[in-house]
Amino acid sequence: MKVGDLVRYRYPETDDDKAIRVSFAIVVGPTSQSDVFEVLELSGFYKGTRCNAVVENWEVVSESR
């Protein structure tokens, strides 16, 4: 993962209506740990928030150039 990559959470949540909610985010920066990046959530419950994301929980959908 690198800054600018579009990523998707590997473990989508299911809401009360059994609809699967997939979270997408953009990697906005590194952290002091090599396996953690800062992401901006684009969808899902935390839409619009920045948080730290462990690499193993996210997969790259589209790489930045």
Protein backbone atom coordinates (compact mmCIF):
# COMPACT_ATOMS: atom_id res chain seq x y z
CA MET A 1 0.00 0.00 0.00
CA LYS A 2 1.15 3.50 -0.76
CA VAL A 3 -0.24 7.03 -0.59
CA GLY A 4 -3.02 7.54 -3.14
CA ASP A 5 -4.10 3.87 -3.39
CA LEU A 6 -7.81 3.08 -3.27
CA VAL A 7 -8.35 0.27 -0.76
CA ARG A 8 -11.25 -1.90 0.40
CA TYR A 9 -11.78 -3.38 3.87
CA ARG A 10 -11.43 -7.19 3.67
CA TYR A 11 -14.13 -7.95 6.26
CA PRO A 12 -17.37 -6.16 5.29
CA GLU A 13 -20.05 -5.63 7.92
CA THR A 14 -23.65 -6.79 7.67
CA ASP A 15 -26.39 -4.44 8.86
CA ASP A 16 -29.83 -5.33 10.28
CA ASP A 17 -31.32 -5.86 6.80
CA LYS A 18 -28.53 -8.33 5.94
CA ALA A 19 -27.09 -5.92 3.40
CA ILE A 20 -23.33 -6.06 3.17
CA ARG A 21 -21.60 -2.73 3.70
CA VAL A 22 -18.22 -2.53 2.04
CA SER A 23 -15.83 0.16 3.20
CA PHE A 24 -13.58 1.93 0.72
CA ALA A 25 -10.80 4.35 1.60
CA ILE A 26 -7.86 6.25 0.14
CA VAL A 27 -4.42 5.93 1.68
CA VAL A 28 -3.43 9.46 2.75
CA GLY A 29 -0.19 8.88 4.61
CA PRO A 30 2.24 6.55 6.34
CA THR A 31 2.61 6.11 10.09
CA SER A 32 5.61 5.27 12.25
CA GLN A 33 4.80 1.56 11.84
CA SER A 34 5.55 -0.14 8.52
CA ASP A 35 2.33 -2.22 8.52
CA VAL A 36 -0.05 0.67 9.37
CA PHE A 37 -1.21 3.49 7.09
CA GLU A 38 -3.49 6.48 7.59
CA VAL A 39 -6.61 6.28 5.42
CA LEU A 40 -9.57 8.52 4.65
CA GLU A 41 -12.79 6.49 4.70
CA LEU A 42 -14.95 7.09 1.62
CA SER A 43 -17.89 4.83 2.52
CA GLY A 44 -19.25 2.74 5.35
CA PHE A 45 -19.93 3.64 8.96
CA TYR A 46 -16.82 5.84 9.31
CA LYS A 47 -17.31 7.78 6.05
CA GLY A 48 -15.35 11.05 6.05
CA THR A 49 -13.02 10.15 8.92
CA ARG A 50 -9.29 9.56 8.94
CA CYS A 51 -7.99 6.56 10.81
CA ASN A 52 -5.05 4.20 11.03
CA ALA A 53 -5.45 0.99 9.03
CA VAL A 54 -3.49 -2.23 9.45
CA VAL A 55 -2.33 -3.43 6.03
CA GLU A 56 -3.53 -7.03 6.50
CA ASN A 57 -7.16 -5.85 6.95
CA TRP A 58 -7.27 -3.93 3.65
CA GLU A 59 -6.74 -4.84 0.00
CA VAL A 60 -5.68 -2.53 -2.82
CA VAL A 61 -8.44 -1.95 -5.40
CA SER A 62 -6.58 0.56 -7.55
CA GLU A 63 -2.97 1.66 -7.27
CA SER A 64 -1.92 5.27 -7.68
CA ARG A 65 0.71 6.05 -10.26
